[in-house]
Amino acid sequence: MKWFKKEPEQKSFDRENQRAVLKCSICTGEQVAGFKDVRTGRFDEVMLIRNGSDLDYFKKQYGVEEITKEY
C-alpha cells in the first residue's frame, strides 16, 4: 500500500539549447508544457497542464523556475 505521495524524480534537459515553454491555445485555453529548441524553434511536448498542480509538478520534475508562455 502507498501511504505517501512519491516525489517526482528529477529529469534533465539541455539547458544550453532548450528553454521551458508553456504553449497556450487562444481558442480553447489548452496549455501544454514542453521545451523549445532555441536554435531551430522546434517544440517538444512533455505534458498537458490542466491546473496549477500540474504546472508545479512539471517545474519540480525538471527543476525549472521560470516558464515563458507562447500563444
C-alpha atoms as a PDB file:
ATOM      1  CA  MET A   1       0.000   0.000   0.000  1.00  0.00           C
ATOM      2  CA  LYS A   2       1.124   3.505  -0.722  1.00  0.00           C
ATOM      3  CA  TRP A   3       0.671   5.901   2.135  1.00  0.00           C
ATOM      4  CA  PHE A   4       2.635   8.827   0.881  1.00  0.00           C
ATOM      5  CA  LYS A   5       2.767  10.519  -2.471  1.00  0.00           C
ATOM      6  CA  LYS A   6       6.043   9.908  -4.265  1.00  0.00           C
ATOM      7  CA  GLU A   7       8.122  12.962  -5.109  1.00  0.00           C
ATOM      8  CA  PRO A   8       8.733  13.385  -8.842  1.00  0.00           C
ATOM      9  CA  GLU A   9      12.140  12.137  -9.888  1.00  0.00           C
ATOM     10  CA  GLN A  10      14.393  14.857 -11.262  1.00  0.00           C
ATOM     11  CA  LYS A  11      14.647  14.689 -15.063  1.00  0.00           C
ATOM     12  CA  SER A  12      17.028  16.667 -17.202  1.00  0.00           C
ATOM     13  CA  PHE A  13      17.018  18.595 -20.458  1.00  0.00           C
ATOM     14  CA  ASP A  14      19.596  20.501 -22.497  1.00  0.00           C
ATOM     15  CA  ARG A  15      19.697  23.798 -20.597  1.00  0.00           C
ATOM     16  CA  GLU A  16      22.040  25.445 -23.134  1.00  0.00           C
ATOM     17  CA  ASN A  17      19.898  24.818 -26.210  1.00  0.00           C
ATOM     18  CA  GLN A  18      16.381  24.446 -24.796  1.00  0.00           C
ATOM     19  CA  ARG A  19      14.069  26.560 -22.676  1.00  0.00           C
ATOM     20  CA  ALA A  20      10.871  25.687 -20.852  1.00  0.00           C
ATOM     21  CA  VAL A  21       7.750  26.922 -22.632  1.00  0.00           C
ATOM     22  CA  LEU A  22       4.027  26.780 -21.883  1.00  0.00           C
ATOM     23  CA  LYS A  23       2.131  26.725 -25.193  1.00  0.00           C
ATOM     24  CA  CYS A  24      -1.360  28.145 -24.747  1.00  0.00           C
ATOM     25  CA  SER A  25      -4.256  27.958 -27.184  1.00  0.00           C
ATOM     26  CA  ILE A  26      -6.177  31.204 -27.585  1.00  0.00           C
ATOM     27  CA  CYS A  27      -9.369  29.420 -28.676  1.00  0.00           C
ATOM     28  CA  THR A  28      -9.659  26.520 -26.252  1.00  0.00           C
ATOM     29  CA  GLY A  29      -7.409  27.595 -23.385  1.00  0.00           C
ATOM     30  CA  GLU A  30      -5.481  24.317 -23.572  1.00  0.00           C
ATOM     31  CA  GLN A  31      -1.957  24.512 -22.139  1.00  0.00           C
ATOM     32  CA  VAL A  32       0.942  22.190 -22.929  1.00  0.00           C
ATOM     33  CA  ALA A  33       4.299  22.312 -21.168  1.00  0.00           C
ATOM     34  CA  GLY A  34       7.451  21.390 -23.011  1.00  0.00           C
ATOM     35  CA  PHE A  35      10.805  22.550 -24.271  1.00  0.00           C
ATOM     36  CA  LYS A  36      11.621  24.736 -27.261  1.00  0.00           C
ATOM     37  CA  ASP A  37      14.940  24.469 -29.056  1.00  0.00           C
ATOM     38  CA  VAL A  38      16.469  27.944 -29.154  1.00  0.00           C
ATOM     39  CA  ARG A  39      18.302  27.356 -32.448  1.00  0.00           C
ATOM     40  CA  THR A  40      15.629  25.623 -34.533  1.00  0.00           C
ATOM     41  CA  GLY A  41      12.402  26.695 -32.804  1.00  0.00           C
ATOM     42  CA  ARG A  42      11.219  23.056 -32.546  1.00  0.00           C
ATOM     43  CA  PHE A  43       8.822  22.428 -29.655  1.00  0.00           C
ATOM     44  CA  ASP A  44       8.833  19.094 -27.792  1.00  0.00           C
ATOM     45  CA  GLU A  45       5.637  18.469 -25.798  1.00  0.00           C
ATOM     46  CA  VAL A  46       6.082  16.914 -22.374  1.00  0.00           C
ATOM     47  CA  MET A  47       2.728  17.094 -20.617  1.00  0.00           C
ATOM     48  CA  LEU A  48      -0.754  18.606 -20.681  1.00  0.00           C
ATOM     49  CA  ILE A  49      -1.327  21.240 -17.992  1.00  0.00           C
ATOM     50  CA  ARG A  50      -4.876  21.100 -16.611  1.00  0.00           C
ATOM     51  CA  ASN A  51      -4.397  23.056 -13.386  1.00  0.00           C
ATOM     52  CA  GLY A  52      -1.816  24.727 -11.157  1.00  0.00           C
ATOM     53  CA  SER A  53      -0.738  21.484  -9.509  1.00  0.00           C
ATOM     54  CA  ASP A  54       0.183  20.015 -12.924  1.00  0.00           C
ATOM     55  CA  LEU A  55       2.366  23.052 -13.584  1.00  0.00           C
ATOM     56  CA  ASP A  56       4.021  22.732 -10.167  1.00  0.00           C
ATOM     57  CA  TYR A  57       4.677  19.038 -10.839  1.00  0.00           C
ATOM     58  CA  PHE A  58       6.315  19.895 -14.193  1.00  0.00           C
ATOM     59  CA  LYS A  59       8.519  22.527 -12.555  1.00  0.00           C
ATOM     60  CA  LYS A  60       9.635  20.115  -9.806  1.00  0.00           C
ATOM     61  CA  GLN A  61      10.183  17.280 -12.239  1.00  0.00           C
ATOM     62  CA  TYR A  62      12.581  19.262 -14.430  1.00  0.00           C
ATOM     63  CA  GLY A  63      13.939  21.747 -11.877  1.00  0.00           C
ATOM     64  CA  VAL A  64      12.554  24.747 -13.772  1.00  0.00           C
ATOM     65  CA  GLU A  65      11.996  28.092 -12.077  1.00  0.00           C
ATOM     66  CA  GLU A  66      10.644  30.191 -14.952  1.00  0.00           C
ATOM     67  CA  ILE A  67       8.370  29.201 -17.848  1.00  0.00           C
ATOM     68  CA  THR A  68       7.536  31.539 -20.721  1.00  0.00           C
ATOM     69  CA  LYS A  69       4.097  31.480 -22.344  1.00  0.00           C
ATOM     70  CA  GLU A  70       3.599  31.331 -26.097  1.00  0.00           C
ATOM     71  CA  TYR A  71       0.323  31.643 -27.973  1.00  0.00           C
END
